[in-house]
PDB file of N, CA and C in Angstrom:
ATOM      1  N   MET A   1      24.075 -49.383  22.259  1.00  0.00           N
ATOM      2  CA  MET A   1      24.350 -48.335  23.223  1.00  0.00           C
ATOM      3  C   MET A   1      24.787 -47.054  22.520  1.00  0.00           C
ATOM      4  N   LEU A   2      25.590 -47.176  21.504  1.00  0.00           N
ATOM      5  CA  LEU A   2      26.047 -45.999  20.798  1.00  0.00           C
ATOM      6  C   LEU A   2      24.884 -45.287  20.119  1.00  0.00           C
ATOM      7  N   ARG A   3      23.956 -46.056  19.595  1.00  0.00           N
ATOM      8  CA  ARG A   3      22.812 -45.468  18.929  1.00  0.00           C
ATOM      9  C   ARG A   3      21.978 -44.654  19.912  1.00  0.00           C
ATOM     10  N   ARG A   4      21.742 -45.143  21.088  1.00  0.00           N
ATOM     11  CA  ARG A   4      20.964 -44.442  22.108  1.00  0.00           C
ATOM     12  C   ARG A   4      21.676 -43.146  22.499  1.00  0.00           C
ATOM     13  N   GLY A   5      22.961 -43.163  22.641  1.00  0.00           N
ATOM     14  CA  GLY A   5      23.725 -41.974  22.978  1.00  0.00           C
ATOM     15  C   GLY A   5      23.659 -40.945  21.852  1.00  0.00           C
ATOM     16  N   ASN A   6      23.672 -41.405  20.624  1.00  0.00           N
ATOM     17  CA  ASN A   6      23.587 -40.538  19.466  1.00  0.00           C
ATOM     18  C   ASN A   6      22.235 -39.834  19.429  1.00  0.00           C
ATOM     19  N   GLU A   7      21.149 -40.543  19.755  1.00  0.00           N
ATOM     20  CA  GLU A   7      19.814 -39.946  19.782  1.00  0.00           C
ATOM     21  C   GLU A   7      19.721 -38.875  20.864  1.00  0.00           C
ATOM     22  N   ILE A   8      20.307 -39.142  22.014  1.00  0.00           N
ATOM     23  CA  ILE A   8      20.292 -38.164  23.107  1.00  0.00           C
ATOM     24  C   ILE A   8      21.073 -36.919  22.688  1.00  0.00           C
ATOM     25  N   TRP A   9      22.201 -37.110  22.037  1.00  0.00           N
ATOM     26  CA  TRP A   9      22.989 -35.971  21.570  1.00  0.00           C
ATOM     27  C   TRP A   9      22.196 -35.133  20.574  1.00  0.00           C
ATOM     28  N   LYS A  10      21.516 -35.792  19.616  1.00  0.00           N
ATOM     29  CA  LYS A  10      20.703 -35.071  18.630  1.00  0.00           C
ATOM     30  C   LYS A  10      19.590 -34.288  19.312  1.00  0.00           C
ATOM     31  N   TYR A  11      18.932 -34.917  20.293  1.00  0.00           N
ATOM     32  CA  TYR A  11      17.855 -34.255  21.019  1.00  0.00           C
ATOM     33  C   TYR A  11      18.398 -33.051  21.786  1.00  0.00           C
ATOM     34  N   SER A  12      19.562 -33.199  22.381  1.00  0.00           N
ATOM     35  CA  SER A  12      20.200 -32.100  23.109  1.00  0.00           C
ATOM     36  C   SER A  12      20.508 -30.939  22.168  1.00  0.00           C
ATOM     37  N   MET A  13      21.010 -31.229  20.981  1.00  0.00           N
ATOM     38  CA  MET A  13      21.321 -30.190  20.006  1.00  0.00           C
ATOM     39  C   MET A  13      20.049 -29.496  19.524  1.00  0.00           C
ATOM     40  N   LEU A  14      18.969 -30.266  19.355  1.00  0.00           N
ATOM     41  CA  LEU A  14      17.696 -29.701  18.925  1.00  0.00           C
ATOM     42  C   LEU A  14      17.176 -28.726  19.980  1.00  0.00           C
ATOM     43  N   LEU A  15      17.249 -29.085  21.241  1.00  0.00           N
ATOM     44  CA  LEU A  15      16.820 -28.188  22.317  1.00  0.00           C
ATOM     45  C   LEU A  15      17.670 -26.925  22.342  1.00  0.00           C
ATOM     46  N   HIS A  16      18.966 -27.084  22.118  1.00  0.00           N
ATOM     47  CA  HIS A  16      19.876 -25.936  22.107  1.00  0.00           C
ATOM     48  C   HIS A  16      19.515 -24.980  20.970  1.00  0.00           C
ATOM     49  N   LYS A  17      19.231 -25.520  19.790  1.00  0.00           N
ATOM     50  CA  LYS A  17      18.843 -24.686  18.651  1.00  0.00           C
ATOM     51  C   LYS A  17      17.535 -23.957  18.936  1.00  0.00           C
ATOM     52  N   GLU A  18      16.589 -24.655  19.567  1.00  0.00           N
ATOM     53  CA  GLU A  18      15.293 -24.052  19.881  1.00  0.00           C
ATOM     54  C   GLU A  18      15.454 -22.889  20.855  1.00  0.00           C
ATOM     55  N   GLU A  19      16.288 -23.052  21.850  1.00  0.00           N
ATOM     56  CA  GLU A  19      16.533 -21.972  22.804  1.00  0.00           C
ATOM     57  C   GLU A  19      17.197 -20.777  22.123  1.00  0.00           C
ATOM     58  N   ASN A  20      18.153 -21.032  21.241  1.00  0.00           N
ATOM     59  CA  ASN A  20      18.800 -19.946  20.499  1.00  0.00           C
ATOM     60  C   ASN A  20      17.800 -19.212  19.621  1.00  0.00           C
ATOM     61  N   MET A  21      16.906 -19.956  18.981  1.00  0.00           N
ATOM     62  CA  MET A  21      15.898 -19.329  18.130  1.00  0.00           C
ATOM     63  C   MET A  21      14.965 -18.452  18.960  1.00  0.00           C
ATOM     64  N   LYS A  22      14.554 -18.935  20.127  1.00  0.00           N
ATOM     65  CA  LYS A  22      13.678 -18.141  21.001  1.00  0.00           C
ATOM     66  C   LYS A  22      14.384 -16.868  21.452  1.00  0.00           C
ATOM     67  N   ARG A  23      15.629 -16.988  21.820  1.00  0.00           N
ATOM     68  CA  ARG A  23      16.406 -15.843  22.278  1.00  0.00           C
ATOM     69  C   ARG A  23      16.572 -14.828  21.145  1.00  0.00           C
ATOM     70  N   THR A  24      16.901 -15.319  19.948  1.00  0.00           N
ATOM     71  CA  THR A  24      17.065 -14.439  18.787  1.00  0.00           C
ATOM     72  C   THR A  24      15.751 -13.742  18.450  1.00  0.00           C
ATOM     73  N   PHE A  25      14.649 -14.472  18.501  1.00  0.00           N
ATOM     74  CA  PHE A  25      13.346 -13.879  18.217  1.00  0.00           C
ATOM     75  C   PHE A  25      13.004 -12.804  19.245  1.00  0.00           C
ATOM     76  N   ALA A  26      13.276 -13.057  20.513  1.00  0.00           N
ATOM     77  CA  ALA A  26      12.984 -12.080  21.557  1.00  0.00           C
ATOM     78  C   ALA A  26      13.798 -10.797  21.363  1.00  0.00           C
ATOM     79  N   ILE A  27      15.058 -10.957  21.023  1.00  0.00           N
ATOM     80  CA  ILE A  27      15.911  -9.784  20.785  1.00  0.00           C
ATOM     81  C   ILE A  27      15.427  -9.019  19.559  1.00  0.00           C
ATOM     82  N   ALA A  28      15.107  -9.727  18.484  1.00  0.00           N
ATOM     83  CA  ALA A  28      14.622  -9.075  17.265  1.00  0.00           C
ATOM     84  C   ALA A  28      13.308  -8.342  17.525  1.00  0.00           C
ATOM     85  N   ALA A  29      12.421  -8.947  18.294  1.00  0.00           N
ATOM     86  CA  ALA A  29      11.147  -8.302  18.614  1.00  0.00           C
ATOM     87  C   ALA A  29      11.364  -7.034  19.437  1.00  0.00           C
ATOM     88  N   ALA A  30      12.282  -7.084  20.381  1.00  0.00           N
ATOM     89  CA  ALA A  30      12.572  -5.905  21.204  1.00  0.00           C
ATOM     90  C   ALA A  30      13.158  -4.777  20.362  1.00  0.00           C
ATOM     91  N   VAL A  31      14.048  -5.110  19.456  1.00  0.00           N
ATOM     92  CA  VAL A  31      14.647  -4.092  18.576  1.00  0.00           C
ATOM     93  C   VAL A  31      13.580  -3.490  17.668  1.00  0.00           C
ATOM     94  N   MET A  32      12.717  -4.330  17.114  1.00  0.00           N
ATOM     95  CA  MET A  32      11.661  -3.828  16.236  1.00  0.00           C
ATOM     96  C   MET A  32      10.693  -2.926  16.990  1.00  0.00           C
ATOM     97  N   MET A  33      10.372  -3.278  18.207  1.00  0.00           N
ATOM     98  CA  MET A  33       9.468  -2.441  18.999  1.00  0.00           C
ATOM     99  C   MET A  33      10.121  -1.100  19.310  1.00  0.00           C
ATOM    100  N   ALA A  34      11.387  -1.121  19.655  1.00  0.00           N
ATOM    101  CA  ALA A  34      12.095   0.124  19.957  1.00  0.00           C
ATOM    102  C   ALA A  34      12.207   0.985  18.707  1.00  0.00           C
ATOM    103  N   PHE A  35      12.537   0.373  17.580  1.00  0.00           N
ATOM    104  CA  PHE A  35      12.659   1.123  16.333  1.00  0.00           C
ATOM    105  C   PHE A  35      11.304   1.631  15.874  1.00  0.00           C
ATOM    106  N   GLY A  36      10.291   0.806  15.982  1.00  0.00           N
ATOM    107  CA  GLY A  36       8.946   1.192  15.568  1.00  0.00           C
ATOM    108  C   GLY A  36       8.407   2.352  16.367  1.00  0.00           C
ATOM    109  N   SER A  37       8.654   2.388  17.669  1.00  0.00           N
ATOM    110  CA  SER A  37       8.154   3.487  18.483  1.00  0.00           C
ATOM    111  C   SER A  37       8.904   4.770  18.192  1.00  0.00           C
ATOM    112  N   SER A  38      10.181   4.681  17.824  1.00  0.00           N
ATOM    113  CA  SER A  38      10.910   5.901  17.492  1.00  0.00           C
ATOM    114  C   SER A  38      10.458   6.450  16.150  1.00  0.00           C
ATOM    115  N   VAL A  39      10.072   5.564  15.228  1.00  0.00           N
ATOM    116  CA  VAL A  39       9.560   6.020  13.950  1.00  0.00           C
ATOM    117  C   VAL A  39       8.214   6.699  14.150  1.00  0.00           C
ATOM    118  N   ALA A  40       7.376   6.146  14.999  1.00  0.00           N
ATOM    119  CA  ALA A  40       6.063   6.727  15.236  1.00  0.00           C
ATOM    120  C   ALA A  40       6.170   8.119  15.843  1.00  0.00           C
ATOM    121  N   MET A  41       7.220   8.397  16.590  1.00  0.00           N
ATOM    122  CA  MET A  41       7.368   9.698  17.215  1.00  0.00           C
ATOM    123  C   MET A  41       8.100  10.686  16.304  1.00  0.00           C
ATOM    124  N   ALA A  42       8.406  10.295  15.067  1.00  0.00           N
ATOM    125  CA  ALA A  42       9.220  11.137  14.197  1.00  0.00           C
ATOM    126  C   ALA A  42       8.429  12.254  13.518  1.00  0.00           C
ATOM    127  N   ASP A  43       7.091  12.242  13.601  1.00  0.00           N
ATOM    128  CA  ASP A  43       6.288  13.244  12.927  1.00  0.00           C
ATOM    129  C   ASP A  43       5.825  14.326  13.887  1.00  0.00           C
ATOM    130  N   ASP A  44       5.677  15.539  13.333  1.00  0.00           N
ATOM    131  CA  ASP A  44       5.216  16.691  14.102  1.00  0.00           C
ATOM    132  C   ASP A  44       3.834  17.099  13.628  1.00  0.00           C
ATOM    133  N   GLU A  45       3.192  17.892  14.430  1.00  0.00           N
ATOM    134  CA  GLU A  45       1.896  18.470  14.080  1.00  0.00           C
ATOM    135  C   GLU A  45       2.138  19.687  13.196  1.00  0.00           C
ATOM    136  N   PRO A  46       1.516  19.745  12.009  1.00  0.00           N
ATOM    137  CA  PRO A  46       1.677  20.941  11.184  1.00  0.00           C
ATOM    138  C   PRO A  46       0.904  22.119  11.782  1.00  0.00           C
ATOM    139  N   SER A  47       1.312  23.333  11.431  1.00  0.00           N
ATOM    140  CA  SER A  47       0.622  24.522  11.920  1.00  0.00           C
ATOM    141  C   SER A  47      -0.760  24.617  11.253  1.00  0.00           C
ATOM    142  N   ALA A  48      -1.610  25.496  11.760  1.00  0.00           N
ATOM    143  CA  ALA A  48      -2.953  25.678  11.199  1.00  0.00           C
ATOM    144  C   ALA A  48      -2.870  26.122   9.739  1.00  0.00           C
ATOM    145  N   ASP A  49      -1.930  27.008   9.426  1.00  0.00           N
ATOM    146  CA  ASP A  49      -1.747  27.472   8.052  1.00  0.00           C
ATOM    147  C   ASP A  49      -1.320  26.318   7.142  1.00  0.00           C
ATOM    148  N   GLU A  50      -0.406  25.472   7.637  1.00  0.00           N
ATOM    149  CA  GLU A  50       0.048  24.325   6.853  1.00  0.00           C
ATOM    150  C   GLU A  50      -1.094  23.332   6.625  1.00  0.00           C
ATOM    151  N   ILE A  51      -1.924  23.136   7.632  1.00  0.00           N
ATOM    152  CA  ILE A  51      -3.067  22.225   7.498  1.00  0.00           C
ATOM    153  C   ILE A  51      -4.012  22.724   6.412  1.00  0.00           C
ATOM    154  N   GLU A  52      -4.276  24.019   6.388  1.00  0.00           N
ATOM    155  CA  GLU A  52      -5.153  24.593   5.355  1.00  0.00           C
ATOM    156  C   GLU A  52      -4.573  24.372   3.961  1.00  0.00           C
ATOM    157  N   LYS A  53      -3.265  24.514   3.819  1.00  0.00           N
ATOM    158  CA  LYS A  53      -2.621  24.298   2.517  1.00  0.00           C
ATOM    159  C   LYS A  53      -2.663  22.820   2.118  1.00  0.00           C
ATOM    160  N   ILE A  54      -2.511  21.938   3.087  1.00  0.00           N
ATOM    161  CA  ILE A  54      -2.608  20.497   2.811  1.00  0.00           C
ATOM    162  C   ILE A  54      -4.031  20.162   2.359  1.00  0.00           C
ATOM    163  N   LYS A  55      -5.022  20.687   3.093  1.00  0.00           N
ATOM    164  CA  LYS A  55      -6.425  20.433   2.733  1.00  0.00           C
ATOM    165  C   LYS A  55      -6.730  20.933   1.324  1.00  0.00           C
ATOM    166  N   ALA A  56      -6.198  22.101   0.978  1.00  0.00           N
ATOM    167  CA  ALA A  56      -6.434  22.657  -0.357  1.00  0.00           C
ATOM    168  C   ALA A  56      -5.815  21.768  -1.438  1.00  0.00           C
ATOM    169  N   ALA A  57      -4.604  21.274  -1.190  1.00  0.00           N
ATOM    170  CA  ALA A  57      -3.936  20.407  -2.164  1.00  0.00           C
ATOM    171  C   ALA A  57      -4.693  19.094  -2.337  1.00  0.00           C
ATOM    172  N   VAL A  58      -5.181  18.538  -1.239  1.00  0.00           N
ATOM    173  CA  VAL A  58      -5.937  17.287  -1.294  1.00  0.00           C
ATOM    174  C   VAL A  58      -7.277  17.521  -1.995  1.00  0.00           C
ATOM    175  N   ALA A  59      -7.911  18.672  -1.744  1.00  0.00           N
ATOM    176  CA  ALA A  59      -9.201  18.996  -2.359  1.00  0.00           C
ATOM    177  C   ALA A  59      -9.077  19.116  -3.883  1.00  0.00           C
ATOM    178  N   GLU A  60      -7.915  19.539  -4.371  1.00  0.00           N
ATOM    179  CA  GLU A  60      -7.703  19.616  -5.822  1.00  0.00           C
ATOM    180  C   GLU A  60      -7.851  18.252  -6.489  1.00  0.00           C
ATOM    181  N   TRP A  61      -7.675  17.202  -5.716  1.00  0.00           N
ATOM    182  CA  TRP A  61      -7.820  15.839  -6.225  1.00  0.00           C
ATOM    183  C   TRP A  61      -9.234  15.304  -5.970  1.00  0.00           C
ATOM    184  N   GLY A  62     -10.107  16.155  -5.425  1.00  0.00           N
ATOM    185  CA  GLY A  62     -11.480  15.738  -5.151  1.00  0.00           C
ATOM    186  C   GLY A  62     -11.611  14.916  -3.887  1.00  0.00           C
ATOM    187  N   CYS A  63     -10.705  15.125  -2.949  1.00  0.00           N
ATOM    188  CA  CYS A  63     -10.680  14.338  -1.722  1.00  0.00           C
ATOM    189  C   CYS A  63     -10.777  15.261  -0.506  1.00  0.00           C
ATOM    190  N   GLU A  64     -11.082  14.670   0.644  1.00  0.00           N
ATOM    191  CA  GLU A  64     -11.187  15.467   1.872  1.00  0.00           C
ATOM    192  C   GLU A  64     -10.946  14.604   3.100  1.00  0.00           C
ATOM    193  N   GLY A  65     -10.783  15.288   4.232  1.00  0.00           N
ATOM    194  CA  GLY A  65     -10.623  14.597   5.514  1.00  0.00           C
ATOM    195  C   GLY A  65      -9.220  14.070   5.738  1.00  0.00           C
ATOM    196  N   GLY A  66      -9.110  13.207   6.713  1.00  0.00           N
ATOM    197  CA  GLY A  66      -7.841  12.586   7.042  1.00  0.00           C
ATOM    198  C   GLY A  66      -7.145  13.240   8.217  1.00  0.00           C
ATOM    199  N   THR A  67      -5.964  12.757   8.499  1.00  0.00           N
ATOM    200  CA  THR A  67      -5.117  13.323   9.555  1.00  0.00           C
ATOM    201  C   THR A  67      -3.846  13.831   8.895  1.00  0.00           C
ATOM    202  N   TYR A  68      -3.255  14.856   9.488  1.00  0.00           N
ATOM    203  CA  TYR A  68      -2.131  15.540   8.849  1.00  0.00           C
ATOM    204  C   TYR A  68      -0.903  15.520   9.749  1.00  0.00           C
ATOM    205  N   GLU A  69       0.258  15.277   9.122  1.00  0.00           N
ATOM    206  CA  GLU A  69       1.521  15.230   9.850  1.00  0.00           C
ATOM    207  C   GLU A  69       2.606  15.907   9.038  1.00  0.00           C
ATOM    208  N   LYS A  70       3.645  16.341   9.736  1.00  0.00           N
ATOM    209  CA  LYS A  70       4.813  16.945   9.106  1.00  0.00           C
ATOM    210  C   LYS A  70       6.026  16.138   9.535  1.00  0.00           C
ATOM    211  N   GLU A  71       6.811  15.676   8.563  1.00  0.00           N
ATOM    212  CA  GLU A  71       8.019  14.917   8.879  1.00  0.00           C
ATOM    213  C   GLU A  71       8.990  15.805   9.648  1.00  0.00           C
ATOM    214  N   SER A  72       9.531  15.298  10.712  1.00  0.00           N
ATOM    215  CA  SER A  72      10.450  16.087  11.534  1.00  0.00           C
ATOM    216  C   SER A  72      11.916  15.813  11.211  1.00  0.00           C
ATOM    217  N   GLU A  73      12.186  14.966  10.203  1.00  0.00           N
ATOM    218  CA  GLU A  73      13.570  14.649   9.846  1.00  0.00           C
ATOM    219  C   GLU A  73      14.218  15.729   9.000  1.00  0.00           C
ATOM    220  N   GLY A  74      13.533  16.820   8.746  1.00  0.00           N
ATOM    221  CA  GLY A  74      14.109  17.893   7.951  1.00  0.00           C
ATOM    222  C   GLY A  74      13.870  17.736   6.465  1.00  0.00           C
ATOM    223  N   THR A  75      13.036  16.782   6.072  1.00  0.00           N
ATOM    224  CA  THR A  75      12.760  16.572   4.650  1.00  0.00           C
ATOM    225  C   THR A  75      11.742  17.562   4.118  1.00  0.00           C
ATOM    226  N   GLY A  76      10.919  18.118   5.008  1.00  0.00           N
ATOM    227  CA  GLY A  76       9.876  19.049   4.596  1.00  0.00           C
ATOM    228  C   GLY A  76       8.662  18.367   4.010  1.00  0.00           C
ATOM    229  N   VAL A  77       8.574  17.056   4.143  1.00  0.00           N
ATOM    230  CA  VAL A  77       7.456  16.309   3.587  1.00  0.00           C
ATOM    231  C   VAL A  77       6.260  16.378   4.538  1.00  0.00           C
ATOM    232  N   PHE A  78       5.086  16.604   3.945  1.00  0.00           N
ATOM    233  CA  PHE A  78       3.838  16.566   4.708  1.00  0.00           C
ATOM    234  C   PHE A  78       3.085  15.299   4.332  1.00  0.00           C
ATOM    235  N   GLU A  79       2.280  14.799   5.272  1.00  0.00           N
ATOM    236  CA  GLU A  79       1.488  13.596   5.038  1.00  0.00           C
ATOM    237  C   GLU A  79       0.034  13.891   5.359  1.00  0.00           C
ATOM    238  N   ALA A  80      -0.852  13.391   4.514  1.00  0.00           N
ATOM    239  CA  ALA A  80      -2.282  13.397   4.783  1.00  0.00           C
ATOM    240  C   ALA A  80      -2.701  11.939   4.743  1.00  0.00           C
ATOM    241  N   GLU A  81      -3.067  11.402   5.880  1.00  0.00           N
ATOM    242  CA  GLU A  81      -3.355   9.974   5.993  1.00  0.00           C
ATOM    243  C   GLU A  81      -4.861   9.744   6.086  1.00  0.00           C
ATOM    244  N   ASP A  82      -5.311   8.617   5.537  1.00  0.00           N
ATOM    245  CA  ASP A  82      -6.712   8.202   5.598  1.00  0.00           C
ATOM    246  C   ASP A  82      -7.649   9.240   4.976  1.00  0.00           C
ATOM    247  N   VAL A  83      -7.248   9.781   3.844  1.00  0.00           N
ATOM    248  CA  VAL A  83      -8.038  10.780   3.123  1.00  0.00           C
ATOM    249  C   VAL A  83      -9.129  10.061   2.335  1.00  0.00           C
ATOM    250  N   LYS A  84     -10.336  10.596   2.392  1.00  0.00           N
ATOM    251  CA  LYS A  84     -11.481   9.998   1.701  1.00  0.00           C
ATOM    252  C   LYS A  84     -11.619  10.603   0.308  1.00  0.00           C
ATOM    253  N   CYS A  85     -11.654   9.726  -0.684  1.00  0.00           N
ATOM    254  CA  CYS A  85     -11.862  10.123  -2.071  1.00  0.00           C
ATOM    255  C   CYS A  85     -13.012   9.281  -2.629  1.00  0.00           C
ATOM    256  N   LYS A  86     -13.531   9.665  -3.784  1.00  0.00           N
ATOM    257  CA  LYS A  86     -14.631   8.904  -4.392  1.00  0.00           C
ATOM    258  C   LYS A  86     -14.224   7.471  -4.684  1.00  0.00           C
ATOM    259  N   ALA A  87     -12.989   7.277  -5.073  1.00  0.00           N
ATOM    260  CA  ALA A  87     -12.505   5.940  -5.439  1.00  0.00           C
ATOM    261  C   ALA A  87     -12.048   5.112  -4.239  1.00  0.00           C
ATOM    262  N   GLY A  88     -12.023   5.700  -3.038  1.00  0.00           N
ATOM    263  CA  GLY A  88     -11.593   4.963  -1.857  1.00  0.00           C
ATOM    264  C   GLY A  88     -10.830   5.839  -0.887  1.00  0.00           C
ATOM    265  N   GLN A  89     -10.040   5.201  -0.054  1.00  0.00           N
ATOM    266  CA  GLN A  89      -9.264   5.900   0.979  1.00  0.00           C
ATOM    267  C   GLN A  89      -7.785   5.855   0.606  1.00  0.00           C
ATOM    268  N   TYR A  90      -7.102   7.007   0.760  1.00  0.00           N
ATOM    269  CA  TYR A  90      -5.715   7.119   0.316  1.00  0.00           C
ATOM    270  C   TYR A  90      -4.866   7.874   1.335  1.00  0.00           C
ATOM    271  N   ASP A  91      -3.560   7.699   1.201  1.00  0.00           N
ATOM    272  CA  ASP A  91      -2.573   8.495   1.934  1.00  0.00           C
ATOM    273  C   ASP A  91      -1.870   9.368   0.900  1.00  0.00           C
ATOM    274  N   PHE A  92      -1.728  10.662   1.213  1.00  0.00           N
ATOM    275  CA  PHE A  92      -1.073  11.608   0.312  1.00  0.00           C
ATOM    276  C   PHE A  92       0.268  12.018   0.898  1.00  0.00           C
ATOM    277  N   ARG A  93       1.276  12.222   0.047  1.00  0.00           N
ATOM    278  CA  ARG A  93       2.563  12.777   0.440  1.00  0.00           C
ATOM    279  C   ARG A  93       2.740  14.067  -0.352  1.00  0.00           C
ATOM    280  N   LEU A  94       3.100  15.142   0.356  1.00  0.00           N
ATOM    281  CA  LEU A  94       3.253  16.447  -0.271  1.00  0.00           C
ATOM    282  C   LEU A  94       4.638  17.004   0.006  1.00  0.00           C
ATOM    283  N   THR A  95       5.159  17.788  -0.949  1.00  0.00           N
ATOM    284  CA  THR A  95       6.451  18.444  -0.772  1.00  0.00           C
ATOM    285  C   THR A  95       6.300  19.614   0.187  1.00  0.00           C
ATOM    286  N   LYS A  96       7.416  20.234   0.514  1.00  0.00           N
ATOM    287  CA  LYS A  96       7.378  21.406   1.401  1.00  0.00           C
ATOM    288  C   LYS A  96       6.630  22.573   0.764  1.00  0.00           C
ATOM    289  N   ASP A  97       6.434  22.513  -0.567  1.00  0.00           N
ATOM    290  CA  ASP A  97       5.681  23.534  -1.293  1.00  0.00           C
ATOM    291  C   ASP A  97       4.224  23.112  -1.499  1.00  0.00           C
ATOM    292  N   PHE A  98       3.807  22.049  -0.811  1.00  0.00           N
ATOM    293  CA  PHE A  98       2.437  21.545  -0.830  1.00  0.00           C
ATOM    294  C   PHE A  98       2.010  21.020  -2.197  1.00  0.00           C
ATOM    295  N   LYS A  99       2.950  20.438  -2.915  1.00  0.00           N
ATOM    296  CA  LYS A  99       2.678  19.769  -4.190  1.00  0.00           C
ATOM    297  C   LYS A  99       2.610  18.271  -3.919  1.00  0.00           C
ATOM    298  N   VAL A 100       1.535  17.624  -4.379  1.00  0.00           N
ATOM    299  CA  VAL A 100       1.372  16.184  -4.167  1.00  0.00           C
ATOM    300  C   VAL A 100       2.377  15.442  -5.034  1.00  0.00           C
ATOM    301  N   PHE A 101       3.167  14.559  -4.391  1.00  0.00           N
ATOM    302  CA  PHE A 101       4.113  13.750  -5.155  1.00  0.00           C
ATOM    303  C   PHE A 101       3.844  12.261  -5.034  1.00  0.00           C
ATOM    304  N   ALA A 102       2.916  11.878  -4.132  1.00  0.00           N
ATOM    305  CA  ALA A 102       2.569  10.452  -4.006  1.00  0.00           C
ATOM    306  C   ALA A 102       1.170  10.314  -3.442  1.00  0.00           C
ATOM    307  N   ILE A 103       0.423   9.404  -4.040  1.00  0.00           N
ATOM    308  CA  ILE A 103      -0.898   9.038  -3.535  1.00  0.00           C
ATOM    309  C   ILE A 103      -0.885   7.518  -3.422  1.00  0.00           C
ATOM    310  N   ILE A 104      -1.136   7.025  -2.211  1.00  0.00           N
ATOM    311  CA  ILE A 104      -1.007   5.602  -1.934  1.00  0.00           C
ATOM    312  C   ILE A 104      -2.353   5.077  -1.465  1.00  0.00           C
ATOM    313  N   ALA A 105      -2.842   4.018  -2.112  1.00  0.00           N
ATOM    314  CA  ALA A 105      -4.097   3.397  -1.695  1.00  0.00           C
ATOM    315  C   ALA A 105      -3.951   2.862  -0.285  1.00  0.00           C
ATOM    316  N   ASP A 106      -4.921   3.151   0.523  1.00  0.00           N
ATOM    317  CA  ASP A 106      -4.868   2.737   1.928  1.00  0.00           C
ATOM    318  C   ASP A 106      -5.554   1.426   2.135  1.00  0.00           C
TER     319      ASP A 106
END
């Protein structure tokens, strides 16, 4: 009889752990979605003049195209995403002075 009661207790604890894990996962997923959407909204559209300067900087590397963004956190960083180059597709990061400081394979 004691053994049967012990098995029921173990099963009860297992169900309790499973429910806690589901609850924790749901909360973590909600936080990640909220954080992810706020990060996605953190970029601004660069002006036409800024876009031309970004294109010129990217062209110096023999690349073209892509989409352009300006960080709105006050860092002054510009981004050129999905830029086409002979060697493949890349993301560029530029300083506020339009100097390339990072090229990342996409």
